[in-house]
Amino acid sequence: EDLVSALSTNLSLTGLNLSGNKLGDSG
């Protein structure tokens, strides 16, 4: 949730790798 909040304010990111994390459907 905190990471997604940061993504909403960041305008520079073009590539994101979150593989291998236990996010589940909700994450």
mmCIF file of all heavy atoms, coordinates in Angstrom:
data_MODEL
# 
_entry.id   MODEL 
# 
loop_
_atom_site.group_PDB 
_atom_site.id 
_atom_site.type_symbol 
_atom_site.label_atom_id 
_atom_site.label_alt_id 
_atom_site.label_comp_id 
_atom_site.label_asym_id 
_atom_site.label_entity_id 
_atom_site.label_seq_id 
_atom_site.pdbx_PDB_ins_code 
_atom_site.Cartn_x 
_atom_site.Cartn_y 
_atom_site.Cartn_z 
_atom_site.occupancy 
_atom_site.B_iso_or_equiv 
_atom_site.pdbx_formal_charge 
_atom_site.auth_seq_id 
_atom_site.auth_comp_id 
_atom_site.auth_asym_id 
_atom_site.auth_atom_id 
_atom_site.pdbx_PDB_model_num 
ATOM 1   N N   . GLU A 1 1  ? 0.825  -1.211  0.000   1.00 0.00 ? 1  GLU A N   1 
ATOM 2   C CA  . GLU A 1 1  ? 0.000  0.000   0.000   1.00 0.00 ? 1  GLU A CA  1 
ATOM 3   C C   . GLU A 1 1  ? 0.860  1.262   0.000   1.00 0.00 ? 1  GLU A C   1 
ATOM 4   O O   . GLU A 1 1  ? 0.591  2.216   -0.731  1.00 0.00 ? 1  GLU A O   1 
ATOM 5   C CB  . GLU A 1 1  ? -0.932 -0.009  1.211   1.00 0.00 ? 1  GLU A CB  1 
ATOM 6   C CG  . GLU A 1 1  ? -1.942 1.131   1.191   1.00 0.00 ? 1  GLU A CG  1 
ATOM 7   C CD  . GLU A 1 1  ? -3.008 0.962   2.261   1.00 0.00 ? 1  GLU A CD  1 
ATOM 8   O OE1 . GLU A 1 1  ? -2.991 -0.071  2.957   1.00 0.00 ? 1  GLU A OE1 1 
ATOM 9   O OE2 . GLU A 1 1  ? -3.853 1.865   2.379   1.00 0.00 ? 1  GLU A OE2 1 
ATOM 10  N N   . ASP A 1 2  ? 1.925  1.261   0.824   1.00 0.00 ? 2  ASP A N   1 
ATOM 11  C CA  . ASP A 1 2  ? 2.789  2.444   0.883   1.00 0.00 ? 2  ASP A CA  1 
ATOM 12  C C   . ASP A 1 2  ? 3.534  2.633   -0.426  1.00 0.00 ? 2  ASP A C   1 
ATOM 13  O O   . ASP A 1 2  ? 3.698  3.749   -0.915  1.00 0.00 ? 2  ASP A O   1 
ATOM 14  C CB  . ASP A 1 2  ? 3.781  2.299   2.039   1.00 0.00 ? 2  ASP A CB  1 
ATOM 15  C CG  . ASP A 1 2  ? 4.557  3.581   2.297   1.00 0.00 ? 2  ASP A CG  1 
ATOM 16  O OD1 . ASP A 1 2  ? 3.955  4.546   2.791   1.00 0.00 ? 2  ASP A OD1 1 
ATOM 17  O OD2 . ASP A 1 2  ? 5.764  3.621   1.978   1.00 0.00 ? 2  ASP A OD2 1 
ATOM 18  N N   . LEU A 1 3  ? 3.996  1.534   -1.027  1.00 0.00 ? 3  LEU A N   1 
ATOM 19  C CA  . LEU A 1 3  ? 4.693  1.616   -2.306  1.00 0.00 ? 3  LEU A CA  1 
ATOM 20  C C   . LEU A 1 3  ? 3.771  2.162   -3.388  1.00 0.00 ? 3  LEU A C   1 
ATOM 21  O O   . LEU A 1 3  ? 4.168  3.033   -4.175  1.00 0.00 ? 3  LEU A O   1 
ATOM 22  C CB  . LEU A 1 3  ? 5.209  0.235   -2.701  1.00 0.00 ? 3  LEU A CB  1 
ATOM 23  C CG  . LEU A 1 3  ? 5.889  0.131   -4.069  1.00 0.00 ? 3  LEU A CG  1 
ATOM 24  C CD1 . LEU A 1 3  ? 7.127  1.002   -4.131  1.00 0.00 ? 3  LEU A CD1 1 
ATOM 25  C CD2 . LEU A 1 3  ? 6.244  -1.325  -4.380  1.00 0.00 ? 3  LEU A CD2 1 
ATOM 26  N N   . VAL A 1 4  ? 2.551  1.666   -3.431  1.00 0.00 ? 4  VAL A N   1 
ATOM 27  C CA  . VAL A 1 4  ? 1.592  2.124   -4.439  1.00 0.00 ? 4  VAL A CA  1 
ATOM 28  C C   . VAL A 1 4  ? 1.276  3.598   -4.250  1.00 0.00 ? 4  VAL A C   1 
ATOM 29  O O   . VAL A 1 4  ? 1.143  4.357   -5.220  1.00 0.00 ? 4  VAL A O   1 
ATOM 30  C CB  . VAL A 1 4  ? 0.300  1.273   -4.379  1.00 0.00 ? 4  VAL A CB  1 
ATOM 31  C CG1 . VAL A 1 4  ? -0.792 1.899   -5.226  1.00 0.00 ? 4  VAL A CG1 1 
ATOM 32  C CG2 . VAL A 1 4  ? 0.594  -0.142  -4.841  1.00 0.00 ? 4  VAL A CG2 1 
ATOM 33  N N   . SER A 1 5  ? 1.199  4.028   -2.989  1.00 0.00 ? 5  SER A N   1 
ATOM 34  C CA  . SER A 1 5  ? 0.976  5.439   -2.710  1.00 0.00 ? 5  SER A CA  1 
ATOM 35  C C   . SER A 1 5  ? 2.107  6.288   -3.286  1.00 0.00 ? 5  SER A C   1 
ATOM 36  O O   . SER A 1 5  ? 1.879  7.353   -3.866  1.00 0.00 ? 5  SER A O   1 
ATOM 37  C CB  . SER A 1 5  ? 0.872  5.659   -1.197  1.00 0.00 ? 5  SER A CB  1 
ATOM 38  O OG  . SER A 1 5  ? 0.839  7.035   -0.884  1.00 0.00 ? 5  SER A OG  1 
ATOM 39  N N   . ALA A 1 6  ? 3.344  5.779   -3.159  1.00 0.00 ? 6  ALA A N   1 
ATOM 40  C CA  . ALA A 1 6  ? 4.494  6.503   -3.711  1.00 0.00 ? 6  ALA A CA  1 
ATOM 41  C C   . ALA A 1 6  ? 4.438  6.518   -5.237  1.00 0.00 ? 6  ALA A C   1 
ATOM 42  O O   . ALA A 1 6  ? 4.798  7.514   -5.870  1.00 0.00 ? 6  ALA A O   1 
ATOM 43  C CB  . ALA A 1 6  ? 5.790  5.861   -3.232  1.00 0.00 ? 6  ALA A CB  1 
ATOM 44  N N   . LEU A 1 7  ? 3.989  5.402   -5.824  1.00 0.00 ? 7  LEU A N   1 
ATOM 45  C CA  . LEU A 1 7  ? 3.894  5.342   -7.283  1.00 0.00 ? 7  LEU A CA  1 
ATOM 46  C C   . LEU A 1 7  ? 2.926  6.387   -7.825  1.00 0.00 ? 7  LEU A C   1 
ATOM 47  O O   . LEU A 1 7  ? 3.112  6.923   -8.915  1.00 0.00 ? 7  LEU A O   1 
ATOM 48  C CB  . LEU A 1 7  ? 3.436  3.951   -7.727  1.00 0.00 ? 7  LEU A CB  1 
ATOM 49  C CG  . LEU A 1 7  ? 4.396  2.784   -7.479  1.00 0.00 ? 7  LEU A CG  1 
ATOM 50  C CD1 . LEU A 1 7  ? 3.763  1.471   -7.931  1.00 0.00 ? 7  LEU A CD1 1 
ATOM 51  C CD2 . LEU A 1 7  ? 5.724  2.999   -8.180  1.00 0.00 ? 7  LEU A CD2 1 
ATOM 52  N N   . SER A 1 8  ? 1.897  6.672   -7.044  1.00 0.00 ? 8  SER A N   1 
ATOM 53  C CA  . SER A 1 8  ? 0.888  7.626   -7.514  1.00 0.00 ? 8  SER A CA  1 
ATOM 54  C C   . SER A 1 8  ? 1.421  9.050   -7.563  1.00 0.00 ? 8  SER A C   1 
ATOM 55  O O   . SER A 1 8  ? 0.889  9.896   -8.285  1.00 0.00 ? 8  SER A O   1 
ATOM 56  C CB  . SER A 1 8  ? -0.353 7.566   -6.603  1.00 0.00 ? 8  SER A CB  1 
ATOM 57  O OG  . SER A 1 8  ? -0.024 8.015   -5.296  1.00 0.00 ? 8  SER A OG  1 
ATOM 58  N N   . THR A 1 9  ? 2.481  9.328   -6.808  1.00 0.00 ? 9  THR A N   1 
ATOM 59  C CA  . THR A 1 9  ? 3.060  10.678  -6.813  1.00 0.00 ? 9  THR A CA  1 
ATOM 60  C C   . THR A 1 9  ? 4.300  10.769  -7.685  1.00 0.00 ? 9  THR A C   1 
ATOM 61  O O   . THR A 1 9  ? 4.759  11.862  -8.000  1.00 0.00 ? 9  THR A O   1 
ATOM 62  C CB  . THR A 1 9  ? 3.437  11.109  -5.381  1.00 0.00 ? 9  THR A CB  1 
ATOM 63  O OG1 . THR A 1 9  ? 4.422  10.202  -4.859  1.00 0.00 ? 9  THR A OG1 1 
ATOM 64  C CG2 . THR A 1 9  ? 2.235  11.097  -4.464  1.00 0.00 ? 9  THR A CG2 1 
ATOM 65  N N   . ASN A 1 10 ? 4.846  9.600   -8.082  1.00 0.00 ? 10 ASN A N   1 
ATOM 66  C CA  . ASN A 1 10 ? 6.076  9.591   -8.864  1.00 0.00 ? 10 ASN A CA  1 
ATOM 67  C C   . ASN A 1 10 ? 5.749  9.607   -10.359 1.00 0.00 ? 10 ASN A C   1 
ATOM 68  O O   . ASN A 1 10 ? 4.916  8.840   -10.825 1.00 0.00 ? 10 ASN A O   1 
ATOM 69  C CB  . ASN A 1 10 ? 6.896  8.333   -8.528  1.00 0.00 ? 10 ASN A CB  1 
ATOM 70  C CG  . ASN A 1 10 ? 8.182  8.255   -9.309  1.00 0.00 ? 10 ASN A CG  1 
ATOM 71  O OD1 . ASN A 1 10 ? 8.202  7.885   -10.474 1.00 0.00 ? 10 ASN A OD1 1 
ATOM 72  N ND2 . ASN A 1 10 ? 9.277  8.624   -8.662  1.00 0.00 ? 10 ASN A ND2 1 
ATOM 73  N N   . LEU A 1 11 ? 6.408  10.482  -11.077 1.00 0.00 ? 11 LEU A N   1 
ATOM 74  C CA  . LEU A 1 11 ? 6.134  10.610  -12.502 1.00 0.00 ? 11 LEU A CA  1 
ATOM 75  C C   . LEU A 1 11 ? 7.323  10.201  -13.365 1.00 0.00 ? 11 LEU A C   1 
ATOM 76  O O   . LEU A 1 11 ? 7.322  10.415  -14.577 1.00 0.00 ? 11 LEU A O   1 
ATOM 77  C CB  . LEU A 1 11 ? 5.744  12.062  -12.821 1.00 0.00 ? 11 LEU A CB  1 
ATOM 78  C CG  . LEU A 1 11 ? 4.512  12.604  -12.089 1.00 0.00 ? 11 LEU A CG  1 
ATOM 79  C CD1 . LEU A 1 11 ? 4.235  14.026  -12.495 1.00 0.00 ? 11 LEU A CD1 1 
ATOM 80  C CD2 . LEU A 1 11 ? 3.294  11.720  -12.361 1.00 0.00 ? 11 LEU A CD2 1 
ATOM 81  N N   . SER A 1 12 ? 8.352  9.624   -12.732 1.00 0.00 ? 12 SER A N   1 
ATOM 82  C CA  . SER A 1 12 ? 9.545  9.266   -13.504 1.00 0.00 ? 12 SER A CA  1 
ATOM 83  C C   . SER A 1 12 ? 9.633  7.771   -13.802 1.00 0.00 ? 12 SER A C   1 
ATOM 84  O O   . SER A 1 12 ? 10.284 7.363   -14.757 1.00 0.00 ? 12 SER A O   1 
ATOM 85  C CB  . SER A 1 12 ? 10.816 9.702   -12.755 1.00 0.00 ? 12 SER A CB  1 
ATOM 86  O OG  . SER A 1 12 ? 10.931 9.004   -11.514 1.00 0.00 ? 12 SER A OG  1 
ATOM 87  N N   . LEU A 1 13 ? 8.966  6.928   -13.009 1.00 0.00 ? 13 LEU A N   1 
ATOM 88  C CA  . LEU A 1 13 ? 9.148  5.481   -13.109 1.00 0.00 ? 13 LEU A CA  1 
ATOM 89  C C   . LEU A 1 13 ? 8.536  4.912   -14.393 1.00 0.00 ? 13 LEU A C   1 
ATOM 90  O O   . LEU A 1 13 ? 7.372  5.130   -14.682 1.00 0.00 ? 13 LEU A O   1 
ATOM 91  C CB  . LEU A 1 13 ? 8.519  4.797   -11.893 1.00 0.00 ? 13 LEU A CB  1 
ATOM 92  C CG  . LEU A 1 13 ? 9.011  3.381   -11.585 1.00 0.00 ? 13 LEU A CG  1 
ATOM 93  C CD1 . LEU A 1 13 ? 10.466 3.427   -11.132 1.00 0.00 ? 13 LEU A CD1 1 
ATOM 94  C CD2 . LEU A 1 13 ? 8.158  2.739   -10.514 1.00 0.00 ? 13 LEU A CD2 1 
ATOM 95  N N   . THR A 1 14 ? 9.358  4.151   -15.136 1.00 0.00 ? 14 THR A N   1 
ATOM 96  C CA  . THR A 1 14 ? 8.863  3.502   -16.348 1.00 0.00 ? 14 THR A CA  1 
ATOM 97  C C   . THR A 1 14 ? 8.955  1.976   -16.269 1.00 0.00 ? 14 THR A C   1 
ATOM 98  O O   . THR A 1 14 ? 8.306  1.281   -17.044 1.00 0.00 ? 14 THR A O   1 
ATOM 99  C CB  . THR A 1 14 ? 9.659  3.967   -17.585 1.00 0.00 ? 14 THR A CB  1 
ATOM 100 O OG1 . THR A 1 14 ? 11.041 3.638   -17.402 1.00 0.00 ? 14 THR A OG1 1 
ATOM 101 C CG2 . THR A 1 14 ? 9.529  5.464   -17.790 1.00 0.00 ? 14 THR A CG2 1 
ATOM 102 N N   . GLY A 1 15 ? 9.779  1.457   -15.344 1.00 0.00 ? 15 GLY A N   1 
ATOM 103 C CA  . GLY A 1 15 ? 9.919  0.016   -15.205 1.00 0.00 ? 15 GLY A CA  1 
ATOM 104 C C   . GLY A 1 15 ? 9.902  -0.404  -13.751 1.00 0.00 ? 15 GLY A C   1 
ATOM 105 O O   . GLY A 1 15 ? 10.596 0.194   -12.930 1.00 0.00 ? 15 GLY A O   1 
ATOM 106 N N   . LEU A 1 16 ? 9.117  -1.443  -13.404 1.00 0.00 ? 16 LEU A N   1 
ATOM 107 C CA  . LEU A 1 16 ? 8.993  -1.885  -12.017 1.00 0.00 ? 16 LEU A CA  1 
ATOM 108 C C   . LEU A 1 16 ? 8.982  -3.412  -11.971 1.00 0.00 ? 16 LEU A C   1 
ATOM 109 O O   . LEU A 1 16 ? 8.196  -4.055  -12.663 1.00 0.00 ? 16 LEU A O   1 
ATOM 110 C CB  . LEU A 1 16 ? 7.705  -1.342  -11.400 1.00 0.00 ? 16 LEU A CB  1 
ATOM 111 C CG  . LEU A 1 16 ? 7.373  -1.761  -9.964  1.00 0.00 ? 16 LEU A CG  1 
ATOM 112 C CD1 . LEU A 1 16 ? 8.447  -1.264  -8.989  1.00 0.00 ? 16 LEU A CD1 1 
ATOM 113 C CD2 . LEU A 1 16 ? 6.005  -1.237  -9.543  1.00 0.00 ? 16 LEU A CD2 1 
ATOM 114 N N   . ASN A 1 17 ? 9.858  -3.971  -11.154 1.00 0.00 ? 17 ASN A N   1 
ATOM 115 C CA  . ASN A 1 17 ? 9.926  -5.431  -10.989 1.00 0.00 ? 17 ASN A CA  1 
ATOM 116 C C   . ASN A 1 17 ? 9.605  -5.780  -9.541  1.00 0.00 ? 17 ASN A C   1 
ATOM 117 O O   . ASN A 1 17 ? 10.370 -5.476  -8.634  1.00 0.00 ? 17 ASN A O   1 
ATOM 118 C CB  . ASN A 1 17 ? 11.322 -5.942  -11.350 1.00 0.00 ? 17 ASN A CB  1 
ATOM 119 C CG  . ASN A 1 17 ? 11.383 -7.470  -11.391 1.00 0.00 ? 17 ASN A CG  1 
ATOM 120 O OD1 . ASN A 1 17 ? 10.524 -8.162  -10.859 1.00 0.00 ? 17 ASN A OD1 1 
ATOM 121 N ND2 . ASN A 1 17 ? 12.416 -8.001  -12.015 1.00 0.00 ? 17 ASN A ND2 1 
ATOM 122 N N   . LEU A 1 18 ? 8.460  -6.430  -9.335  1.00 0.00 ? 18 LEU A N   1 
ATOM 123 C CA  . LEU A 1 18 ? 8.034  -6.871  -8.008  1.00 0.00 ? 18 LEU A CA  1 
ATOM 124 C C   . LEU A 1 18 ? 7.913  -8.394  -7.941  1.00 0.00 ? 18 LEU A C   1 
ATOM 125 O O   . LEU A 1 18 ? 7.295  -8.925  -7.019  1.00 0.00 ? 18 LEU A O   1 
ATOM 126 C CB  . LEU A 1 18 ? 6.683  -6.229  -7.648  1.00 0.00 ? 18 LEU A CB  1 
ATOM 127 C CG  . LEU A 1 18 ? 6.679  -4.709  -7.496  1.00 0.00 ? 18 LEU A CG  1 
ATOM 128 C CD1 . LEU A 1 18 ? 5.270  -4.203  -7.232  1.00 0.00 ? 18 LEU A CD1 1 
ATOM 129 C CD2 . LEU A 1 18 ? 7.606  -4.268  -6.372  1.00 0.00 ? 18 LEU A CD2 1 
ATOM 130 N N   . SER A 1 19 ? 8.493  -9.075  -8.883  1.00 0.00 ? 19 SER A N   1 
ATOM 131 C CA  . SER A 1 19 ? 8.396  -10.536 -8.920  1.00 0.00 ? 19 SER A CA  1 
ATOM 132 C C   . SER A 1 19 ? 8.961  -11.158 -7.647  1.00 0.00 ? 19 SER A C   1 
ATOM 133 O O   . SER A 1 19 ? 9.833  -10.593 -6.992  1.00 0.00 ? 19 SER A O   1 
ATOM 134 C CB  . SER A 1 19 ? 9.161  -11.083 -10.126 1.00 0.00 ? 19 SER A CB  1 
ATOM 135 O OG  . SER A 1 19 ? 8.596  -10.634 -11.326 1.00 0.00 ? 19 SER A OG  1 
ATOM 136 N N   . GLY A 1 20 ? 8.431  -12.343 -7.313  1.00 0.00 ? 20 GLY A N   1 
ATOM 137 C CA  . GLY A 1 20 ? 8.975  -13.084 -6.188  1.00 0.00 ? 20 GLY A CA  1 
ATOM 138 C C   . GLY A 1 20 ? 8.616  -12.535 -4.824  1.00 0.00 ? 20 GLY A C   1 
ATOM 139 O O   . GLY A 1 20 ? 9.214  -12.927 -3.820  1.00 0.00 ? 20 GLY A O   1 
ATOM 140 N N   . ASN A 1 21 ? 7.656  -11.644 -4.740  1.00 0.00 ? 21 ASN A N   1 
ATOM 141 C CA  . ASN A 1 21 ? 7.172  -11.136 -3.452  1.00 0.00 ? 21 ASN A CA  1 
ATOM 142 C C   . ASN A 1 21 ? 5.772  -11.690 -3.177  1.00 0.00 ? 21 ASN A C   1 
ATOM 143 O O   . ASN A 1 21 ? 4.996  -11.932 -4.100  1.00 0.00 ? 21 ASN A O   1 
ATOM 144 C CB  . ASN A 1 21 ? 7.124  -9.599  -3.469  1.00 0.00 ? 21 ASN A CB  1 
ATOM 145 C CG  . ASN A 1 21 ? 8.499  -8.977  -3.520  1.00 0.00 ? 21 ASN A CG  1 
ATOM 146 O OD1 . ASN A 1 21 ? 9.275  -9.073  -2.568  1.00 0.00 ? 21 ASN A OD1 1 
ATOM 147 N ND2 . ASN A 1 21 ? 8.833  -8.346  -4.644  1.00 0.00 ? 21 ASN A ND2 1 
ATOM 148 N N   . LYS A 1 22 ? 5.448  -11.880 -1.916  1.00 0.00 ? 22 LYS A N   1 
ATOM 149 C CA  . LYS A 1 22 ? 4.171  -12.492 -1.543  1.00 0.00 ? 22 LYS A CA  1 
ATOM 150 C C   . LYS A 1 22 ? 3.077  -11.422 -1.472  1.00 0.00 ? 22 LYS A C   1 
ATOM 151 O O   . LYS A 1 22 ? 2.590  -11.054 -0.405  1.00 0.00 ? 22 LYS A O   1 
ATOM 152 C CB  . LYS A 1 22 ? 4.310  -13.214 -0.206  1.00 0.00 ? 22 LYS A CB  1 
ATOM 153 C CG  . LYS A 1 22 ? 5.285  -14.393 -0.270  1.00 0.00 ? 22 LYS A CG  1 
ATOM 154 C CD  . LYS A 1 22 ? 5.432  -15.080 1.080   1.00 0.00 ? 22 LYS A CD  1 
ATOM 155 C CE  . LYS A 1 22 ? 6.416  -16.239 1.003   1.00 0.00 ? 22 LYS A CE  1 
ATOM 156 N NZ  . LYS A 1 22 ? 6.597  -16.906 2.313   1.00 0.00 ? 22 LYS A NZ  1 
ATOM 157 N N   . LEU A 1 23 ? 2.701  -10.937 -2.641  1.00 0.00 ? 23 LEU A N   1 
ATOM 158 C CA  . LEU A 1 23 ? 1.694  -9.877  -2.687  1.00 0.00 ? 23 LEU A CA  1 
ATOM 159 C C   . LEU A 1 23 ? 0.280  -10.429 -2.596  1.00 0.00 ? 23 LEU A C   1 
ATOM 160 O O   . LEU A 1 23 ? -0.600 -9.806  -1.994  1.00 0.00 ? 23 LEU A O   1 
ATOM 161 C CB  . LEU A 1 23 ? 1.849  -9.079  -3.981  1.00 0.00 ? 23 LEU A CB  1 
ATOM 162 C CG  . LEU A 1 23 ? 3.207  -8.386  -4.193  1.00 0.00 ? 23 LEU A CG  1 
ATOM 163 C CD1 . LEU A 1 23 ? 3.203  -7.644  -5.524  1.00 0.00 ? 23 LEU A CD1 1 
ATOM 164 C CD2 . LEU A 1 23 ? 3.510  -7.436  -3.055  1.00 0.00 ? 23 LEU A CD2 1 
ATOM 165 N N   . GLY A 1 24 ? 0.048  -11.580 -3.208  1.00 0.00 ? 24 GLY A N   1 
ATOM 166 C CA  . GLY A 1 24 ? -1.304 -12.131 -3.225  1.00 0.00 ? 24 GLY A CA  1 
ATOM 167 C C   . GLY A 1 24 ? -2.226 -11.286 -4.083  1.00 0.00 ? 24 GLY A C   1 
ATOM 168 O O   . GLY A 1 24 ? -1.844 -10.252 -4.637  1.00 0.00 ? 24 GLY A O   1 
ATOM 169 N N   . ASP A 1 25 ? -3.469 -11.728 -4.171  1.00 0.00 ? 25 ASP A N   1 
ATOM 170 C CA  . ASP A 1 25 ? -4.435 -10.994 -4.992  1.00 0.00 ? 25 ASP A CA  1 
ATOM 171 C C   . ASP A 1 25 ? -4.623 -9.564  -4.516  1.00 0.00 ? 25 ASP A C   1 
ATOM 172 O O   . ASP A 1 25 ? -4.715 -8.634  -5.322  1.00 0.00 ? 25 ASP A O   1 
ATOM 173 C CB  . ASP A 1 25 ? -5.796 -11.715 -4.962  1.00 0.00 ? 25 ASP A CB  1 
ATOM 174 C CG  . ASP A 1 25 ? -5.757 -13.015 -5.759  1.00 0.00 ? 25 ASP A CG  1 
ATOM 175 O OD1 . ASP A 1 25 ? -4.891 -13.126 -6.641  1.00 0.00 ? 25 ASP A OD1 1 
ATOM 176 O OD2 . ASP A 1 25 ? -6.586 -13.899 -5.486  1.00 0.00 ? 25 ASP A OD2 1 
ATOM 177 N N   . SER A 1 26 ? -4.661 -9.355  -3.187  1.00 0.00 ? 26 SER A N   1 
ATOM 178 C CA  . SER A 1 26 ? -4.907 -8.019  -2.659  1.00 0.00 ? 26 SER A CA  1 
ATOM 179 C C   . SER A 1 26 ? -3.744 -7.073  -2.963  1.00 0.00 ? 26 SER A C   1 
ATOM 180 O O   . SER A 1 26 ? -3.949 -5.913  -3.341  1.00 0.00 ? 26 SER A O   1 
ATOM 181 C CB  . SER A 1 26 ? -5.153 -8.076  -1.146  1.00 0.00 ? 26 SER A CB  1 
ATOM 182 O OG  . SER A 1 26 ? -4.050 -8.680  -0.482  1.00 0.00 ? 26 SER A OG  1 
ATOM 183 N N   . GLY A 1 27 ? -2.517 -7.574  -2.823  1.00 0.00 ? 27 GLY A N   1 
ATOM 184 C CA  . GLY A 1 27 ? -1.359 -6.729  -3.105  1.00 0.00 ? 27 GLY A CA  1 
ATOM 185 C C   . GLY A 1 27 ? -1.252 -6.390  -4.580  1.00 0.00 ? 27 GLY A C   1 
ATOM 186 O O   . GLY A 1 27 ? -0.950 -5.247  -4.943  1.00 0.00 ? 27 GLY A O   1 
# 
